Amino acid sequence: MPTQPIDHTVQGYGYKQSRRTQSDVDFSLGADQSKNRHESGENQDANTRQFIQSILSNVPSRSAGSVSFREIVEQYTALQSDWNRAVCDDLAELGVKVTAPFRLMYDTAGSISVAGEHGDKDMINAYFTANPSRIETFGEAFRLGKLADIAENRLTPSEMGQSLQVEALSLWYASNMDISTLYQGGGLLLGSGGGIYKGLDIMV
């Protein structure tokens, strides 16, 4: 597919994004269908950036209107730690043995449930059904964790500390990650540090 690179530079950080040429958007359809499909693609890109911006808007920043990649990682770590501690305390009060590792699976439709067999499976599932705010907070941490993961894998330590406008950050993420992963569930291993894992129902 022929592409024409466009260079973006925001506060000293450069990256590239490909732009469609006319031959890419002239589908072998009627004129109206071709136009509708092209406009649909543009709307989807805008919606994706808006979704990422909504995730980033909850990250505390040391400077107004901008966020650093390191602040994203720090917020993710804090959210995950707070969630693990609160949920483990709640489950322990209910009589669940949280020192024994068990797996939870998060569904982006809005549910968390025990994966596999566990003696207190029904009690744990009922806890999350009765506490939707715990599911919502986990979903926020989970999506933020995916942004943190892609940043840590692609940026140098000095770039991690760089502060950028939220709009620029959302464009960077949209250009550097598989956006579909933000809409996929995953799980966490509770009782052995509570680390989140992504997408697979596996014991590690």
C-alpha atoms as a PDB file:
ATOM      1  CA  MET A   1       0.000   0.000   0.000  1.00  0.00           C
ATOM      2  CA  PRO A   2       1.560   3.342  -0.949  1.00  0.00           C
ATOM      3  CA  THR A   3       1.891   5.695   1.988  1.00  0.00           C
ATOM      4  CA  GLN A   4       3.142   9.206   2.388  1.00  0.00           C
ATOM      5  CA  PRO A   5       4.884   9.781   5.732  1.00  0.00           C
ATOM      6  CA  ILE A   6       3.971  12.827   7.788  1.00  0.00           C
ATOM      7  CA  ASP A   7       6.374  13.937  10.511  1.00  0.00           C
ATOM      8  CA  HIS A   8       4.921  15.187  13.786  1.00  0.00           C
ATOM      9  CA  THR A   9       7.082  16.890  16.379  1.00  0.00           C
ATOM     10  CA  VAL A  10       5.538  17.810  19.719  1.00  0.00           C
ATOM     11  CA  GLN A  11       7.728  19.410  22.391  1.00  0.00           C
ATOM     12  CA  GLY A  12      10.837  17.860  20.953  1.00  0.00           C
ATOM     13  CA  TYR A  13       9.491  14.337  20.624  1.00  0.00           C
ATOM     14  CA  GLY A  14       9.198  13.158  17.024  1.00  0.00           C
ATOM     15  CA  TYR A  15       7.196  10.318  15.556  1.00  0.00           C
ATOM     16  CA  LYS A  16       5.741   9.361  12.204  1.00  0.00           C
ATOM     17  CA  GLN A  17       2.274   8.507  11.031  1.00  0.00           C
ATOM     18  CA  SER A  18       1.262   7.252   7.607  1.00  0.00           C
ATOM     19  CA  ARG A  19      -1.324   9.132   5.585  1.00  0.00           C
ATOM     20  CA  ARG A  20      -3.601   7.519   3.050  1.00  0.00           C
ATOM     21  CA  THR A  21      -3.055   8.520  -0.540  1.00  0.00           C
ATOM     22  CA  GLN A  22      -5.942   9.067  -2.922  1.00  0.00           C
ATOM     23  CA  SER A  23      -5.540   5.581  -4.369  1.00  0.00           C
ATOM     24  CA  ASP A  24      -5.970   4.100  -0.901  1.00  0.00           C
ATOM     25  CA  VAL A  25      -9.341   5.745  -0.309  1.00  0.00           C
ATOM     26  CA  ASP A  26     -10.821   5.280  -3.787  1.00  0.00           C
ATOM     27  CA  PHE A  27     -12.504   1.944  -3.154  1.00  0.00           C
ATOM     28  CA  SER A  28     -13.891  -0.153  -5.989  1.00  0.00           C
ATOM     29  CA  LEU A  29     -17.398   0.895  -4.977  1.00  0.00           C
ATOM     30  CA  GLY A  30     -19.866   3.535  -6.050  1.00  0.00           C
ATOM     31  CA  ALA A  31     -19.019   7.158  -5.249  1.00  0.00           C
ATOM     32  CA  ASP A  32     -21.392   7.388  -2.269  1.00  0.00           C
ATOM     33  CA  GLN A  33     -20.198   4.099  -0.751  1.00  0.00           C
ATOM     34  CA  SER A  34     -16.560   5.099  -1.124  1.00  0.00           C
ATOM     35  CA  LYS A  35     -17.200   8.451   0.525  1.00  0.00           C
ATOM     36  CA  ASN A  36     -19.133   6.877   3.405  1.00  0.00           C
ATOM     37  CA  ARG A  37     -16.423   4.304   4.109  1.00  0.00           C
ATOM     38  CA  HIS A  38     -13.708   6.985   4.111  1.00  0.00           C
ATOM     39  CA  GLU A  39     -15.705   9.209   6.471  1.00  0.00           C
ATOM     40  CA  SER A  40     -16.396   6.222   8.719  1.00  0.00           C
ATOM     41  CA  GLY A  41     -12.648   5.535   8.988  1.00  0.00           C
ATOM     42  CA  GLU A  42     -11.951   9.149   9.932  1.00  0.00           C
ATOM     43  CA  ASN A  43     -14.689   9.064  12.585  1.00  0.00           C
ATOM     44  CA  GLN A  44     -13.255   5.852  14.011  1.00  0.00           C
ATOM     45  CA  ASP A  45      -9.784   7.410  14.315  1.00  0.00           C
ATOM     46  CA  ALA A  46     -11.267  10.423  16.093  1.00  0.00           C
ATOM     47  CA  ASN A  47     -13.271   8.187  18.446  1.00  0.00           C
ATOM     48  CA  THR A  48     -10.155   6.162  19.253  1.00  0.00           C
ATOM     49  CA  ARG A  49      -8.156   9.276  20.152  1.00  0.00           C
ATOM     50  CA  GLN A  50     -11.075  10.561  22.216  1.00  0.00           C
ATOM     51  CA  PHE A  51     -11.261   7.248  24.094  1.00  0.00           C
ATOM     52  CA  ILE A  52      -7.536   7.373  24.882  1.00  0.00           C
ATOM     53  CA  GLN A  53      -7.854  11.002  25.988  1.00  0.00           C
ATOM     54  CA  SER A  54     -10.626  10.003  28.396  1.00  0.00           C
ATOM     55  CA  ILE A  55      -8.285   7.414  29.952  1.00  0.00           C
ATOM     56  CA  LEU A  56      -5.422   9.915  30.217  1.00  0.00           C
ATOM     57  CA  SER A  57      -7.645  12.635  31.682  1.00  0.00           C
ATOM     58  CA  ASN A  58      -7.687  10.776  35.028  1.00  0.00           C
ATOM     59  CA  VAL A  59      -3.890  10.789  35.340  1.00  0.00           C
ATOM     60  CA  PRO A  60      -2.688  13.367  37.915  1.00  0.00           C
ATOM     61  CA  SER A  61      -0.216  15.732  36.299  1.00  0.00           C
ATOM     62  CA  ARG A  62       2.462  17.994  37.734  1.00  0.00           C
ATOM     63  CA  SER A  63       1.879  20.523  34.943  1.00  0.00           C
ATOM     64  CA  ALA A  64      -1.503  21.728  33.690  1.00  0.00           C
ATOM     65  CA  GLY A  65      -2.667  20.321  30.355  1.00  0.00           C
ATOM     66  CA  SER A  66       0.175  17.864  29.909  1.00  0.00           C
ATOM     67  CA  VAL A  67       1.150  14.416  31.176  1.00  0.00           C
ATOM     68  CA  SER A  68       4.377  12.433  31.074  1.00  0.00           C
ATOM     69  CA  PHE A  69       4.608   8.762  30.217  1.00  0.00           C
ATOM     70  CA  ARG A  70       6.152   8.166  33.643  1.00  0.00           C
ATOM     71  CA  GLU A  71       3.112   9.715  35.328  1.00  0.00           C
ATOM     72  CA  ILE A  72       0.929   7.243  33.433  1.00  0.00           C
ATOM     73  CA  VAL A  73       3.012   4.345  34.766  1.00  0.00           C
ATOM     74  CA  GLU A  74       2.947   5.771  38.301  1.00  0.00           C
ATOM     75  CA  GLN A  75      -0.832   6.198  38.227  1.00  0.00           C
ATOM     76  CA  TYR A  76      -1.294   2.655  36.945  1.00  0.00           C
ATOM     77  CA  THR A  77       0.935   1.236  39.677  1.00  0.00           C
ATOM     78  CA  ALA A  78      -0.916   3.205  42.371  1.00  0.00           C
ATOM     79  CA  LEU A  79      -4.358   2.198  41.088  1.00  0.00           C
ATOM     80  CA  GLN A  80      -3.395  -1.469  40.875  1.00  0.00           C
ATOM     81  CA  SER A  81      -1.852  -1.471  44.351  1.00  0.00           C
ATOM     82  CA  ASP A  82      -4.833   0.288  45.957  1.00  0.00           C
ATOM     83  CA  TRP A  83      -7.301  -2.029  44.210  1.00  0.00           C
ATOM     84  CA  ASN A  84      -5.437  -5.186  45.240  1.00  0.00           C
ATOM     85  CA  ARG A  85      -5.224  -4.089  48.860  1.00  0.00           C
ATOM     86  CA  ALA A  86      -8.878  -3.024  49.134  1.00  0.00           C
ATOM     87  CA  VAL A  87     -10.257  -6.138  47.422  1.00  0.00           C
ATOM     88  CA  CYS A  88      -8.031  -8.513  49.386  1.00  0.00           C
ATOM     89  CA  ASP A  89      -9.147  -6.855  52.650  1.00  0.00           C
ATOM     90  CA  ASP A  90     -12.823  -7.121  51.665  1.00  0.00           C
ATOM     91  CA  LEU A  91     -12.533 -10.749  50.594  1.00  0.00           C
ATOM     92  CA  ALA A  92     -10.594 -11.678  53.731  1.00  0.00           C
ATOM     93  CA  GLU A  93     -13.396 -10.206  55.868  1.00  0.00           C
ATOM     94  CA  LEU A  94     -15.840 -12.438  53.995  1.00  0.00           C
ATOM     95  CA  GLY A  95     -13.722 -15.470  54.890  1.00  0.00           C
ATOM     96  CA  VAL A  96     -11.953 -15.977  51.550  1.00  0.00           C
ATOM     97  CA  LYS A  97      -8.409 -17.310  51.871  1.00  0.00           C
ATOM     98  CA  VAL A  98      -6.631 -14.633  49.830  1.00  0.00           C
ATOM     99  CA  THR A  99      -3.135 -15.971  50.579  1.00  0.00           C
ATOM    100  CA  ALA A 100      -3.811 -18.838  48.170  1.00  0.00           C
ATOM    101  CA  PRO A 101      -3.433 -17.566  44.570  1.00  0.00           C
ATOM    102  CA  PHE A 102      -6.535 -17.631  42.408  1.00  0.00           C
ATOM    103  CA  ARG A 103      -7.351 -16.159  39.030  1.00  0.00           C
ATOM    104  CA  LEU A 104      -9.898 -13.506  38.182  1.00  0.00           C
ATOM    105  CA  MET A 105     -10.979 -12.679  34.655  1.00  0.00           C
ATOM    106  CA  TYR A 106     -12.117  -9.183  33.658  1.00  0.00           C
ATOM    107  CA  ASP A 107     -14.700  -8.795  30.908  1.00  0.00           C
ATOM    108  CA  THR A 108     -14.832  -5.318  29.363  1.00  0.00           C
ATOM    109  CA  ALA A 109     -18.620  -5.634  29.236  1.00  0.00           C
ATOM    110  CA  GLY A 110     -18.426  -4.970  32.979  1.00  0.00           C
ATOM    111  CA  SER A 111     -17.829  -8.101  35.037  1.00  0.00           C
ATOM    112  CA  ILE A 112     -15.132  -9.876  37.013  1.00  0.00           C
ATOM    113  CA  SER A 113     -15.372 -13.572  37.838  1.00  0.00           C
ATOM    114  CA  VAL A 114     -13.207 -16.395  39.137  1.00  0.00           C
ATOM    115  CA  ALA A 115     -11.462 -18.326  36.366  1.00  0.00           C
ATOM    116  CA  GLY A 116     -11.366 -22.065  36.994  1.00  0.00           C
ATOM    117  CA  GLU A 117     -12.339 -23.776  40.225  1.00  0.00           C
ATOM    118  CA  HIS A 118     -12.065 -22.296  43.692  1.00  0.00           C
ATOM    119  CA  GLY A 119     -13.675 -23.243  46.994  1.00  0.00           C
ATOM    120  CA  ASP A 120     -15.031 -19.708  47.479  1.00  0.00           C
ATOM    121  CA  LYS A 121     -15.866 -19.073  43.831  1.00  0.00           C
ATOM    122  CA  ASP A 122     -19.535 -18.240  44.410  1.00  0.00           C
ATOM    123  CA  MET A 123     -18.702 -15.892  47.279  1.00  0.00           C
ATOM    124  CA  ILE A 124     -16.065 -14.036  45.236  1.00  0.00           C
ATOM    125  CA  ASN A 125     -18.329 -13.730  42.201  1.00  0.00           C
ATOM    126  CA  ALA A 126     -21.157 -12.439  44.417  1.00  0.00           C
ATOM    127  CA  TYR A 127     -18.780  -9.862  45.922  1.00  0.00           C
ATOM    128  CA  PHE A 128     -18.021  -8.352  42.512  1.00  0.00           C
ATOM    129  CA  THR A 129     -21.688  -8.442  41.496  1.00  0.00           C
ATOM    130  CA  ALA A 130     -22.508  -6.457  44.636  1.00  0.00           C
ATOM    131  CA  ASN A 131     -19.596  -4.026  44.135  1.00  0.00           C
ATOM    132  CA  PRO A 132     -19.660  -2.686  40.567  1.00  0.00           C
ATOM    133  CA  SER A 133     -17.357   0.190  41.573  1.00  0.00           C
ATOM    134  CA  ARG A 134     -14.570  -2.378  42.101  1.00  0.00           C
ATOM    135  CA  ILE A 135     -15.085  -3.603  38.531  1.00  0.00           C
ATOM    136  CA  GLU A 136     -15.089  -0.055  37.180  1.00  0.00           C
ATOM    137  CA  THR A 137     -11.859   0.813  39.004  1.00  0.00           C
ATOM    138  CA  PHE A 138     -10.206  -2.370  37.807  1.00  0.00           C
ATOM    139  CA  GLY A 139     -11.212  -1.593  34.220  1.00  0.00           C
ATOM    140  CA  GLU A 140      -9.641   1.846  34.541  1.00  0.00           C
ATOM    141  CA  ALA A 141      -6.418   0.351  35.910  1.00  0.00           C
ATOM    142  CA  PHE A 142      -6.419  -2.366  33.277  1.00  0.00           C
ATOM    143  CA  ARG A 143      -6.668   0.071  30.344  1.00  0.00           C
ATOM    144  CA  LEU A 144      -4.117   2.386  31.918  1.00  0.00           C
ATOM    145  CA  GLY A 145      -1.822  -0.606  32.347  1.00  0.00           C
ATOM    146  CA  LYS A 146      -1.946  -1.283  28.620  1.00  0.00           C
ATOM    147  CA  LEU A 147      -0.907   2.317  27.923  1.00  0.00           C
ATOM    148  CA  ALA A 148       1.886   2.035  30.486  1.00  0.00           C
ATOM    149  CA  ASP A 149       3.053  -1.246  28.957  1.00  0.00           C
ATOM    150  CA  ILE A 150       3.338   0.109  25.413  1.00  0.00           C
ATOM    151  CA  ALA A 151       5.211   3.188  26.648  1.00  0.00           C
ATOM    152  CA  GLU A 152       7.710   1.166  28.695  1.00  0.00           C
ATOM    153  CA  ASN A 153       8.364  -1.148  25.745  1.00  0.00           C
ATOM    154  CA  ARG A 154       8.899   1.589  23.158  1.00  0.00           C
ATOM    155  CA  LEU A 155      10.469   4.568  24.937  1.00  0.00           C
ATOM    156  CA  THR A 156      13.852   5.331  26.442  1.00  0.00           C
ATOM    157  CA  PRO A 157      14.125   6.361  30.121  1.00  0.00           C
ATOM    158  CA  SER A 158      14.558  10.012  29.139  1.00  0.00           C
ATOM    159  CA  GLU A 159      11.498   9.899  26.861  1.00  0.00           C
ATOM    160  CA  MET A 160       9.465   8.337  29.675  1.00  0.00           C
ATOM    161  CA  GLY A 161       9.922  11.526  31.703  1.00  0.00           C
ATOM    162  CA  GLN A 162       8.903  13.810  28.868  1.00  0.00           C
ATOM    163  CA  SER A 163       5.732  15.825  29.408  1.00  0.00           C
ATOM    164  CA  LEU A 164       3.330  16.145  26.454  1.00  0.00           C
ATOM    165  CA  GLN A 165      -0.117  17.568  25.825  1.00  0.00           C
ATOM    166  CA  VAL A 166      -2.889  14.998  26.336  1.00  0.00           C
ATOM    167  CA  GLU A 167      -3.944  15.400  22.695  1.00  0.00           C
ATOM    168  CA  ALA A 168      -0.406  14.646  21.529  1.00  0.00           C
ATOM    169  CA  LEU A 169      -0.197  11.626  23.830  1.00  0.00           C
ATOM    170  CA  SER A 170      -3.458  10.218  22.501  1.00  0.00           C
ATOM    171  CA  LEU A 171      -2.176  10.600  18.926  1.00  0.00           C
ATOM    172  CA  TRP A 172       1.102   8.883  19.865  1.00  0.00           C
ATOM    173  CA  TYR A 173      -0.733   5.921  21.394  1.00  0.00           C
ATOM    174  CA  ALA A 174      -3.131   5.693  18.459  1.00  0.00           C
ATOM    175  CA  SER A 175      -0.102   5.509  16.143  1.00  0.00           C
ATOM    176  CA  ASN A 176       1.946   3.055  18.213  1.00  0.00           C
ATOM    177  CA  MET A 177      -0.387   0.398  19.574  1.00  0.00           C
ATOM    178  CA  ASP A 178      -3.068  -2.021  18.541  1.00  0.00           C
ATOM    179  CA  ILE A 179      -6.101  -0.084  19.736  1.00  0.00           C
ATOM    180  CA  SER A 180      -8.264  -3.220  19.809  1.00  0.00           C
ATOM    181  CA  THR A 181      -6.352  -4.342  22.920  1.00  0.00           C
ATOM    182  CA  LEU A 182      -8.019  -1.547  24.889  1.00  0.00           C
ATOM    183  CA  TYR A 183     -11.362  -3.226  24.281  1.00  0.00           C
ATOM    184  CA  GLN A 184     -10.222  -6.724  25.304  1.00  0.00           C
ATOM    185  CA  GLY A 185     -10.371  -8.225  28.762  1.00  0.00           C
ATOM    186  CA  GLY A 186      -7.758 -10.084  30.703  1.00  0.00           C
ATOM    187  CA  GLY A 187      -7.141 -11.079  34.268  1.00  0.00           C
ATOM    188  CA  LEU A 188      -5.108 -10.905  37.403  1.00  0.00           C
ATOM    189  CA  LEU A 189      -3.531 -13.348  39.756  1.00  0.00           C
ATOM    190  CA  LEU A 190      -4.700 -12.553  43.278  1.00  0.00           C
ATOM    191  CA  GLY A 191      -2.911 -13.747  46.381  1.00  0.00           C
ATOM    192  CA  SER A 192       0.667 -13.660  45.073  1.00  0.00           C
ATOM    193  CA  GLY A 193       1.340  -9.987  44.534  1.00  0.00           C
ATOM    194  CA  GLY A 194      -1.821  -9.383  42.535  1.00  0.00           C
ATOM    195  CA  GLY A 195      -0.083  -8.705  39.242  1.00  0.00           C
ATOM    196  CA  ILE A 196      -2.303  -8.098  36.234  1.00  0.00           C
ATOM    197  CA  TYR A 197      -1.829 -10.282  33.189  1.00  0.00           C
ATOM    198  CA  LYS A 198      -3.390  -9.622  29.831  1.00  0.00           C
ATOM    199  CA  GLY A 199      -5.718 -11.615  27.666  1.00  0.00           C
ATOM    200  CA  LEU A 200      -4.957 -15.206  28.669  1.00  0.00           C
ATOM    201  CA  ASP A 201      -6.480 -17.403  31.340  1.00  0.00           C
ATOM    202  CA  ILE A 202      -3.210 -18.878  32.602  1.00  0.00           C
ATOM    203  CA  MET A 203      -1.558 -19.526  35.923  1.00  0.00           C
ATOM    204  CA  VAL A 204       1.930 -18.032  36.099  1.00  0.00           C
END
